Amino acid sequence: MENREQELQKIRKELKEIIVRDLALEDITVEDIKDDEVLFGEGLGLDSLDAVEIVVLLQRNFGLEVKNMEQGREIFYSIDTIANFIYDSKHPAV
């Protein structure tokens, strides 16, 4: 059985691949995106339209919904925060 960190690493890699591919990021590769890099504004430079697209991608690829955009701001801070959200959704605390 995989431990949390191994599974998070897989999720992070998949997220980066999805984001680069589906947001059509030019001149950015999966390797360019750091796990803890801020995705919006000064960081990777994503905008509010990208945030909407990420909501759709999470639903399509992971079956997750982010209904509260305040919560979404925290979740979409970085690849790491999105990966933890996905992991915690798959493995709810008892």
C-alpha atoms as a PDB file:
ATOM      1  CA  MET A   1       0.000   0.000   0.000  1.00  0.00           C
ATOM      2  CA  GLU A   2       1.280   3.447  -0.905  1.00  0.00           C
ATOM      3  CA  ASN A   3       1.958   5.982   1.750  1.00  0.00           C
ATOM      4  CA  ARG A   4       0.547   9.490   1.653  1.00  0.00           C
ATOM      5  CA  GLU A   5       3.681  11.082   0.182  1.00  0.00           C
ATOM      6  CA  GLN A   6       3.929   8.581  -2.683  1.00  0.00           C
ATOM      7  CA  GLU A   7       0.302   9.102  -3.605  1.00  0.00           C
ATOM      8  CA  LEU A   8       0.623  12.894  -3.310  1.00  0.00           C
ATOM      9  CA  GLN A   9       3.624  12.765  -5.650  1.00  0.00           C
ATOM     10  CA  LYS A  10       1.550  10.903  -8.268  1.00  0.00           C
ATOM     11  CA  ILE A  11      -1.321  13.385  -7.883  1.00  0.00           C
ATOM     12  CA  ARG A  12       1.063  16.368  -8.218  1.00  0.00           C
ATOM     13  CA  LYS A  13       2.541  14.951 -11.430  1.00  0.00           C
ATOM     14  CA  GLU A  14      -0.892  14.257 -12.896  1.00  0.00           C
ATOM     15  CA  LEU A  15      -2.108  17.746 -11.946  1.00  0.00           C
ATOM     16  CA  LYS A  16       0.858  19.403 -13.628  1.00  0.00           C
ATOM     17  CA  GLU A  17       0.311  17.350 -16.795  1.00  0.00           C
ATOM     18  CA  ILE A  18      -3.395  18.224 -16.845  1.00  0.00           C
ATOM     19  CA  ILE A  19      -2.765  21.928 -16.217  1.00  0.00           C
ATOM     20  CA  VAL A  20      -0.053  22.264 -18.875  1.00  0.00           C
ATOM     21  CA  ARG A  21      -2.123  20.321 -21.426  1.00  0.00           C
ATOM     22  CA  ASP A  22      -5.635  21.577 -20.746  1.00  0.00           C
ATOM     23  CA  LEU A  23      -4.839  25.223 -20.002  1.00  0.00           C
ATOM     24  CA  ALA A  24      -2.641  25.307 -23.133  1.00  0.00           C
ATOM     25  CA  LEU A  25       0.233  26.902 -21.249  1.00  0.00           C
ATOM     26  CA  GLU A  26       2.828  27.959 -23.781  1.00  0.00           C
ATOM     27  CA  ASP A  27       6.510  27.813 -22.911  1.00  0.00           C
ATOM     28  CA  ILE A  28       5.760  25.998 -19.638  1.00  0.00           C
ATOM     29  CA  THR A  29       6.548  22.343 -19.070  1.00  0.00           C
ATOM     30  CA  VAL A  30       5.553  20.025 -16.251  1.00  0.00           C
ATOM     31  CA  GLU A  31       9.113  20.340 -14.928  1.00  0.00           C
ATOM     32  CA  ASP A  32       8.820  24.153 -14.787  1.00  0.00           C
ATOM     33  CA  ILE A  33       6.022  24.045 -12.215  1.00  0.00           C
ATOM     34  CA  LYS A  34       7.201  23.760  -8.629  1.00  0.00           C
ATOM     35  CA  ASP A  35       4.943  21.971  -6.138  1.00  0.00           C
ATOM     36  CA  ASP A  36       4.743  24.994  -3.838  1.00  0.00           C
ATOM     37  CA  GLU A  37       4.724  27.694  -6.536  1.00  0.00           C
ATOM     38  CA  VAL A  38       1.847  30.159  -6.362  1.00  0.00           C
ATOM     39  CA  LEU A  39      -0.355  29.391  -9.383  1.00  0.00           C
ATOM     40  CA  PHE A  40      -2.060  32.752  -9.782  1.00  0.00           C
ATOM     41  CA  GLY A  41      -0.785  36.298 -10.192  1.00  0.00           C
ATOM     42  CA  GLU A  42       2.931  36.673  -9.590  1.00  0.00           C
ATOM     43  CA  GLY A  43       3.577  32.950  -9.523  1.00  0.00           C
ATOM     44  CA  LEU A  44       2.707  30.876 -12.571  1.00  0.00           C
ATOM     45  CA  GLY A  45       0.497  33.699 -13.815  1.00  0.00           C
ATOM     46  CA  LEU A  46      -2.853  31.941 -14.052  1.00  0.00           C
ATOM     47  CA  ASP A  47      -5.998  34.091 -13.955  1.00  0.00           C
ATOM     48  CA  SER A  48      -9.649  33.768 -12.951  1.00  0.00           C
ATOM     49  CA  LEU A  49     -10.588  32.044 -16.210  1.00  0.00           C
ATOM     50  CA  ASP A  50      -7.920  29.447 -15.497  1.00  0.00           C
ATOM     51  CA  ALA A  51      -9.425  28.981 -12.017  1.00  0.00           C
ATOM     52  CA  VAL A  52     -12.801  28.169 -13.572  1.00  0.00           C
ATOM     53  CA  GLU A  53     -11.096  25.723 -15.915  1.00  0.00           C
ATOM     54  CA  ILE A  54      -9.293  24.063 -12.997  1.00  0.00           C
ATOM     55  CA  VAL A  55     -12.660  23.581 -11.246  1.00  0.00           C
ATOM     56  CA  VAL A  56     -13.889  21.772 -14.373  1.00  0.00           C
ATOM     57  CA  LEU A  57     -10.681  19.730 -14.622  1.00  0.00           C
ATOM     58  CA  LEU A  58     -10.947  18.609 -10.995  1.00  0.00           C
ATOM     59  CA  GLN A  59     -14.508  17.520 -11.618  1.00  0.00           C
ATOM     60  CA  ARG A  60     -13.677  15.712 -14.856  1.00  0.00           C
ATOM     61  CA  ASN A  61     -10.420  14.056 -13.755  1.00  0.00           C
ATOM     62  CA  PHE A  62     -10.973  13.460 -10.044  1.00  0.00           C
ATOM     63  CA  GLY A  63     -14.752  13.651  -9.559  1.00  0.00           C
ATOM     64  CA  LEU A  64     -14.379  16.554  -7.123  1.00  0.00           C
ATOM     65  CA  GLU A  65     -16.399  19.725  -6.871  1.00  0.00           C
ATOM     66  CA  VAL A  66     -15.300  23.021  -5.420  1.00  0.00           C
ATOM     67  CA  LYS A  67     -18.486  24.943  -4.748  1.00  0.00           C
ATOM     68  CA  ASN A  68     -17.145  27.618  -2.435  1.00  0.00           C
ATOM     69  CA  MET A  69     -14.743  29.955  -4.230  1.00  0.00           C
ATOM     70  CA  GLU A  70     -13.370  31.250  -0.921  1.00  0.00           C
ATOM     71  CA  GLN A  71     -12.322  27.686  -0.212  1.00  0.00           C
ATOM     72  CA  GLY A  72     -11.192  27.497  -3.830  1.00  0.00           C
ATOM     73  CA  ARG A  73      -8.680  30.302  -3.294  1.00  0.00           C
ATOM     74  CA  GLU A  74      -6.998  28.259  -0.584  1.00  0.00           C
ATOM     75  CA  ILE A  75      -7.195  25.017  -2.543  1.00  0.00           C
ATOM     76  CA  PHE A  76      -5.850  26.533  -5.774  1.00  0.00           C
ATOM     77  CA  TYR A  77      -2.904  28.285  -4.109  1.00  0.00           C
ATOM     78  CA  SER A  78      -0.364  25.757  -5.457  1.00  0.00           C
ATOM     79  CA  ILE A  79      -0.029  22.280  -6.928  1.00  0.00           C
ATOM     80  CA  ASP A  80       0.666  21.096  -3.395  1.00  0.00           C
ATOM     81  CA  THR A  81      -2.561  22.509  -1.953  1.00  0.00           C
ATOM     82  CA  ILE A  82      -4.635  21.042  -4.806  1.00  0.00           C
ATOM     83  CA  ALA A  83      -2.939  17.648  -4.404  1.00  0.00           C
ATOM     84  CA  ASN A  84      -3.667  17.645  -0.667  1.00  0.00           C
ATOM     85  CA  PHE A  85      -7.308  18.545  -1.346  1.00  0.00           C
ATOM     86  CA  ILE A  86      -7.609  15.625  -3.786  1.00  0.00           C
ATOM     87  CA  TYR A  87      -5.849  13.235  -1.408  1.00  0.00           C
ATOM     88  CA  ASP A  88      -7.975  14.292   1.586  1.00  0.00           C
ATOM     89  CA  SER A  89     -11.132  13.923  -0.506  1.00  0.00           C
ATOM     90  CA  LYS A  90     -10.150  10.351  -1.409  1.00  0.00           C
ATOM     91  CA  HIS A  91      -9.084   9.524   2.149  1.00  0.00           C
ATOM     92  CA  PRO A  92     -11.453  11.275   4.554  1.00  0.00           C
ATOM     93  CA  ALA A  93     -10.306  11.427   8.160  1.00  0.00           C
ATOM     94  CA  VAL A  94     -12.209   9.010  10.340  1.00  0.00           C
END
